[in-house]
C-alpha atoms as a PDB file:
ATOM      1  CA  MET A   1     120.481  80.305 120.686  1.00  0.00           C
ATOM      2  CA  ALA A   2     120.989  76.764 121.860  1.00  0.00           C
ATOM      3  CA  TYR A   3     122.490  75.805 118.464  1.00  0.00           C
ATOM      4  CA  ALA A   4     124.863  78.728 118.690  1.00  0.00           C
ATOM      5  CA  LEU A   5     126.048  77.606 122.105  1.00  0.00           C
ATOM      6  CA  LEU A   6     126.369  74.052 120.915  1.00  0.00           C
ATOM      7  CA  GLY A   7     128.507  75.314 117.972  1.00  0.00           C
ATOM      8  CA  PHE A   8     130.680  77.340 120.407  1.00  0.00           C
ATOM      9  CA  ILE A   9     131.216  74.136 122.491  1.00  0.00           C
ATOM     10  CA  GLY A  10     132.187  72.228 119.268  1.00  0.00           C
ATOM     11  CA  ARG A  11     134.622  74.877 118.069  1.00  0.00           C
ATOM     12  CA  SER A  12     136.328  75.580 121.531  1.00  0.00           C
ATOM     13  CA  THR A  13     136.742  71.906 122.449  1.00  0.00           C
ATOM     14  CA  ARG A  14     138.424  70.584 119.312  1.00  0.00           C
ATOM     15  CA  GLY A  15     141.752  69.923 121.292  1.00  0.00           C
ATOM     16  CA  PHE A  16     140.023  68.315 124.211  1.00  0.00           C
ATOM     17  CA  LYS A  17     140.838  64.711 125.007  1.00  0.00           C
ATOM     18  CA  SER A  18     138.113  64.131 127.551  1.00  0.00           C
ATOM     19  CA  HIS A  19     134.557  63.588 126.485  1.00  0.00           C
ATOM     20  CA  ASP A  20     133.309  64.138 129.928  1.00  0.00           C
ATOM     21  CA  SER A  21     134.436  67.856 129.657  1.00  0.00           C
ATOM     22  CA  MET A  22     132.217  68.198 126.660  1.00  0.00           C
ATOM     23  CA  LEU A  23     129.403  66.642 128.615  1.00  0.00           C
ATOM     24  CA  VAL A  24     129.963  69.031 131.503  1.00  0.00           C
ATOM     25  CA  LEU A  25     129.874  71.947 129.184  1.00  0.00           C
ATOM     26  CA  TYR A  26     126.591  70.791 127.373  1.00  0.00           C
ATOM     27  CA  LYS A  27     124.978  70.254 130.786  1.00  0.00           C
ATOM     28  CA  SER A  28     125.970  73.612 132.137  1.00  0.00           C
ATOM     29  CA  ILE A  29     125.599  75.816 129.028  1.00  0.00           C
ATOM     30  CA  VAL A  30     123.242  74.340 126.521  1.00  0.00           C
ATOM     31  CA  ARG A  31     120.754  72.384 128.611  1.00  0.00           C
ATOM     32  CA  PRO A  32     119.814  75.187 130.938  1.00  0.00           C
ATOM     33  CA  VAL A  33     118.785  77.201 127.860  1.00  0.00           C
ATOM     34  CA  LEU A  34     116.534  74.257 126.767  1.00  0.00           C
ATOM     35  CA  GLU A  35     115.118  73.914 130.099  1.00  0.00           C
ATOM     36  CA  TYR A  36     114.493  77.472 131.169  1.00  0.00           C
ATOM     37  CA  GLY A  37     110.976  78.028 132.472  1.00  0.00           C
ATOM     38  CA  THR A  38     109.793  74.574 131.505  1.00  0.00           C
ATOM     39  CA  VAL A  39     107.424  74.590 134.600  1.00  0.00           C
ATOM     40  CA  ILE A  40     105.542  77.553 133.007  1.00  0.00           C
ATOM     41  CA  TRP A  41     106.004  76.712 129.333  1.00  0.00           C
ATOM     42  CA  SER A  42     106.469  73.119 128.364  1.00  0.00           C
ATOM     43  CA  PRO A  43     106.002  72.358 124.795  1.00  0.00           C
ATOM     44  CA  TYR A  44     103.135  70.074 123.850  1.00  0.00           C
ATOM     45  CA  GLN A  45     103.083  70.517 120.046  1.00  0.00           C
ATOM     46  CA  LEU A  46     105.237  67.875 118.377  1.00  0.00           C
ATOM     47  CA  GLY A  47     107.142  70.407 116.288  1.00  0.00           C
ATOM     48  CA  HIS A  48     108.329  72.254 119.415  1.00  0.00           C
ATOM     49  CA  VAL A  49     109.202  69.016 121.233  1.00  0.00           C
ATOM     50  CA  GLU A  50     111.200  67.809 118.138  1.00  0.00           C
ATOM     51  CA  ASP A  51     113.017  71.133 117.934  1.00  0.00           C
ATOM     52  CA  LEU A  52     114.325  70.703 121.504  1.00  0.00           C
ATOM     53  CA  LYS A  53     115.031  67.142 121.099  1.00  0.00           C
ATOM     54  CA  ARG A  54     117.137  67.901 117.944  1.00  0.00           C
ATOM     55  CA  VAL A  55     119.528  70.048 119.933  1.00  0.00           C
ATOM     56  CA  GLN A  56     120.466  67.140 122.184  1.00  0.00           C
ATOM     57  CA  THR A  57     120.637  64.743 119.282  1.00  0.00           C
ATOM     58  CA  ARG A  58     123.122  67.159 117.660  1.00  0.00           C
ATOM     59  CA  PHE A  59     125.285  67.215 120.670  1.00  0.00           C
ATOM     60  CA  LEU A  60     125.234  63.468 120.895  1.00  0.00           C
ATOM     61  CA  ARG A  61     126.303  63.265 117.197  1.00  0.00           C
ATOM     62  CA  MET A  62     129.046  65.742 117.862  1.00  0.00           C
ATOM     63  CA  LEU A  63     130.201  63.618 120.780  1.00  0.00           C
ATOM     64  CA  GLY A  64     130.045  60.403 118.573  1.00  0.00           C
ATOM     65  CA  ALA A  65     132.220  62.048 115.982  1.00  0.00           C
ATOM     66  CA  ARG A  66     134.780  62.636 118.585  1.00  0.00           C
ATOM     67  CA  LEU A  67     134.559  58.987 119.461  1.00  0.00           C
ATOM     68  CA  GLY A  68     135.239  57.873 115.979  1.00  0.00           C
ATOM     69  CA  TYR A  69     131.643  57.446 114.561  1.00  0.00           C
ATOM     70  CA  ALA A  70     130.593  58.912 111.321  1.00  0.00           C
ATOM     71  CA  TYR A  71     128.383  62.002 112.183  1.00  0.00           C
ATOM     72  CA  MET A  72     125.155  60.548 110.773  1.00  0.00           C
ATOM     73  CA  GLU A  73     125.869  56.969 111.765  1.00  0.00           C
ATOM     74  CA  THR A  74     126.243  57.845 115.408  1.00  0.00           C
ATOM     75  CA  LEU A  75     124.253  55.564 117.725  1.00  0.00           C
ATOM     76  CA  VAL A  76     122.525  58.265 119.543  1.00  0.00           C
ATOM     77  CA  LEU A  77     120.510  56.016 122.008  1.00  0.00           C
ATOM     78  CA  GLN A  78     123.623  54.142 122.975  1.00  0.00           C
ATOM     79  CA  LEU A  79     125.533  57.292 123.629  1.00  0.00           C
ATOM     80  CA  LYS A  80     122.630  58.665 125.503  1.00  0.00           C
ATOM     81  CA  GLN A  81     122.846  55.596 127.818  1.00  0.00           C
ATOM     82  CA  ARG A  82     126.642  55.531 128.023  1.00  0.00           C
ATOM     83  CA  PHE A  83     126.762  59.114 129.201  1.00  0.00           C
ATOM     84  CA  ASN A  84     123.641  58.900 131.303  1.00  0.00           C
ATOM     85  CA  LEU A  85     121.784  61.634 129.512  1.00  0.00           C
ATOM     86  CA  GLN A  86     118.026  61.615 130.263  1.00  0.00           C
ATOM     87  CA  SER A  87     115.623  62.740 127.585  1.00  0.00           C
ATOM     88  CA  LEU A  88     114.510  66.356 127.762  1.00  0.00           C
ATOM     89  CA  TYR A  89     110.810  65.234 127.894  1.00  0.00           C
ATOM     90  CA  HIS A  90     111.568  63.083 131.018  1.00  0.00           C
ATOM     91  CA  ARG A  91     113.387  65.945 132.605  1.00  0.00           C
ATOM     92  CA  ARG A  92     110.519  68.311 132.118  1.00  0.00           C
ATOM     93  CA  ILE A  93     108.110  65.832 133.848  1.00  0.00           C
ATOM     94  CA  ILE A  94     110.670  65.649 136.697  1.00  0.00           C
ATOM     95  CA  PHE A  95     110.611  69.504 137.071  1.00  0.00           C
ATOM     96  CA  ASP A  96     106.849  69.558 137.088  1.00  0.00           C
ATOM     97  CA  LEU A  97     106.667  66.885 139.806  1.00  0.00           C
ATOM     98  CA  LEU A  98     109.306  68.751 141.877  1.00  0.00           C
ATOM     99  CA  PHE A  99     107.383  72.066 141.448  1.00  0.00           C
ATOM    100  CA  LEU A 100     104.136  70.438 142.633  1.00  0.00           C
ATOM    101  CA  PHE A 101     105.787  68.865 145.624  1.00  0.00           C
ATOM    102  CA  LYS A 102     107.300  72.209 146.486  1.00  0.00           C
ATOM    103  CA  LEU A 103     103.894  73.978 146.093  1.00  0.00           C
ATOM    104  CA  ILE A 104     102.087  71.505 148.164  1.00  0.00           C
ATOM    105  CA  ASN A 105     104.664  71.468 151.054  1.00  0.00           C
ATOM    106  CA  GLY A 106     105.026  75.211 151.252  1.00  0.00           C
ATOM    107  CA  LEU A 107     108.420  75.412 149.704  1.00  0.00           C
ATOM    108  CA  VAL A 108     106.890  77.708 147.065  1.00  0.00           C
ATOM    109  CA  ASP A 109     104.841  80.475 148.538  1.00  0.00           C
ATOM    110  CA  CYS A 110     102.044  81.088 146.028  1.00  0.00           C
ATOM    111  CA  PRO A 111      98.663  80.929 147.507  1.00  0.00           C
ATOM    112  CA  ALA A 112      97.069  81.645 144.056  1.00  0.00           C
ATOM    113  CA  LEU A 113      98.635  78.479 142.577  1.00  0.00           C
ATOM    114  CA  LEU A 114      97.914  76.427 145.639  1.00  0.00           C
ATOM    115  CA  GLU A 115      94.370  77.425 145.285  1.00  0.00           C
ATOM    116  CA  MET A 116      94.281  75.821 141.844  1.00  0.00           C
ATOM    117  CA  VAL A 117      95.339  72.363 143.217  1.00  0.00           C
ATOM    118  CA  ASP A 118      92.190  70.312 143.782  1.00  0.00           C
ATOM    119  CA  LEU A 119      92.779  67.327 146.019  1.00  0.00           C
ATOM    120  CA  SER A 120      90.408  64.298 146.017  1.00  0.00           C
ATOM    121  CA  VAL A 121      90.031  61.480 148.532  1.00  0.00           C
ATOM    122  CA  PRO A 122      90.258  58.243 146.614  1.00  0.00           C
ATOM    123  CA  ARG A 123      87.149  56.056 147.060  1.00  0.00           C
ATOM    124  CA  GLY A 124      86.835  52.519 146.134  1.00  0.00           C
ATOM    125  CA  THR A 125      89.504  50.531 144.193  1.00  0.00           C
ATOM    126  CA  ARG A 126      89.413  52.101 140.694  1.00  0.00           C
ATOM    127  CA  SER A 127      90.835  55.642 141.226  1.00  0.00           C
ATOM    128  CA  ARG A 128      93.816  56.046 143.326  1.00  0.00           C
ATOM    129  CA  THR A 129      94.673  59.538 142.034  1.00  0.00           C
ATOM    130  CA  VAL A 130      95.068  62.250 144.607  1.00  0.00           C
ATOM    131  CA  PHE A 131      94.366  65.144 142.312  1.00  0.00           C
ATOM    132  CA  CYS A 132      91.000  65.890 140.758  1.00  0.00           C
ATOM    133  CA  ARG A 133      90.665  65.410 137.133  1.00  0.00           C
ATOM    134  CA  LYS A 134      88.815  68.223 135.376  1.00  0.00           C
ATOM    135  CA  PHE A 135      87.223  68.504 131.951  1.00  0.00           C
ATOM    136  CA  LEU A 136      89.152  70.983 129.943  1.00  0.00           C
ATOM    137  CA  PRO A 137      87.451  71.794 126.694  1.00  0.00           C
ATOM    138  CA  THR A 138      90.396  73.211 124.759  1.00  0.00           C
ATOM    139  CA  ASN A 139      93.711  71.981 123.851  1.00  0.00           C
ATOM    140  CA  TYR A 140      95.196  75.220 125.186  1.00  0.00           C
ATOM    141  CA  ALA A 141      93.468  74.634 128.720  1.00  0.00           C
ATOM    142  CA  PHE A 142      94.407  70.911 128.633  1.00  0.00           C
ATOM    143  CA  ASN A 143      98.191  71.745 128.237  1.00  0.00           C
ATOM    144  CA  SER A 144      98.290  74.765 130.556  1.00  0.00           C
ATOM    145  CA  SER A 145     100.997  74.659 133.165  1.00  0.00           C
ATOM    146  CA  VAL A 146      98.701  73.879 136.249  1.00  0.00           C
ATOM    147  CA  ALA A 147      96.622  71.279 134.352  1.00  0.00           C
ATOM    148  CA  ARG A 148      99.842  69.580 133.008  1.00  0.00           C
ATOM    149  CA  ILE A 149     101.440  69.543 136.464  1.00  0.00           C
ATOM    150  CA  LEU A 150      98.388  68.113 138.045  1.00  0.00           C
ATOM    151  CA  ARG A 151      98.078  65.535 135.320  1.00  0.00           C
ATOM    152  CA  HIS A 152     101.683  64.422 135.938  1.00  0.00           C
ATOM    153  CA  GLY A 153     101.023  64.437 139.660  1.00  0.00           C
ATOM    154  CA  GLY A 154      97.986  62.202 139.139  1.00  0.00           C
ATOM    155  CA  VAL A 155     100.021  59.662 137.228  1.00  0.00           C
ATOM    156  CA  TRP A 156     102.807  59.619 139.750  1.00  0.00           C
ATOM    157  CA  SER A 157     100.605  59.780 142.926  1.00  0.00           C
ATOM    158  CA  GLY A 158     100.623  56.040 143.265  1.00  0.00           C
ATOM    159  CA  GLN A 159     104.394  55.756 143.242  1.00  0.00           C
ATOM    160  CA  VAL A 160     105.498  58.825 145.294  1.00  0.00           C
ATOM    161  CA  ASP A 161     104.154  60.723 148.380  1.00  0.00           C
ATOM    162  CA  PHE A 162     103.616  64.278 147.638  1.00  0.00           C
ATOM    163  CA  PHE A 163     102.922  64.982 151.322  1.00  0.00           C
ATOM    164  CA  LEU A 164     106.235  63.642 152.542  1.00  0.00           C
ATOM    165  CA  GLY A 165     107.565  67.006 153.756  1.00  0.00           C
ATOM    166  CA  SER A 166     111.216  66.454 152.867  1.00  0.00           C
ATOM    167  CA  LEU A 167     112.432  67.197 149.262  1.00  0.00           C
ATOM    168  CA  SER A 168     115.460  64.910 149.160  1.00  0.00           C
ATOM    169  CA  PRO A 169     113.693  61.402 149.550  1.00  0.00           C
ATOM    170  CA  PHE A 170     111.097  62.695 147.029  1.00  0.00           C
ATOM    171  CA  LYS A 171     113.864  63.522 144.494  1.00  0.00           C
ATOM    172  CA  GLU A 172     115.331  60.031 145.079  1.00  0.00           C
ATOM    173  CA  LYS A 173     111.955  58.386 144.357  1.00  0.00           C
ATOM    174  CA  ILE A 174     111.402  60.105 141.056  1.00  0.00           C
END
């Protein structure tokens, strides 16, 4: 589906002079398809992660071809930085952190999910994580949505305050 939308953008923007318009079309049409439901289902198998990453790489190569590069010789990382495109993996982490913040602060009303969030009081100097770490015996359980979100929250708990109450300062920090 995302490749079809990407092809549509490529065909319909042949006469466009502005590269920013292609970027807007990608961000508003293709990327939402790639990121739909990532809080619930975020790929953890390398094949699935690479499939999603490949779509963004193809877009960057299309954009590079419009800038005068040969398609396969496009400098993908430089174009990603030039047009300020974050990696899809990084965006999925941000969505997880935002969802955890909303859940903890009552912006998402789901007591069943809130019940699954185990908080811990950091003791001593070694562990500063706010969320309890659980042993999960299977790969499926380890990569489930709640476990993944809490794991990301634990990593970021030293840098951001999940109990701030206001969403906009939290967004700025992450």
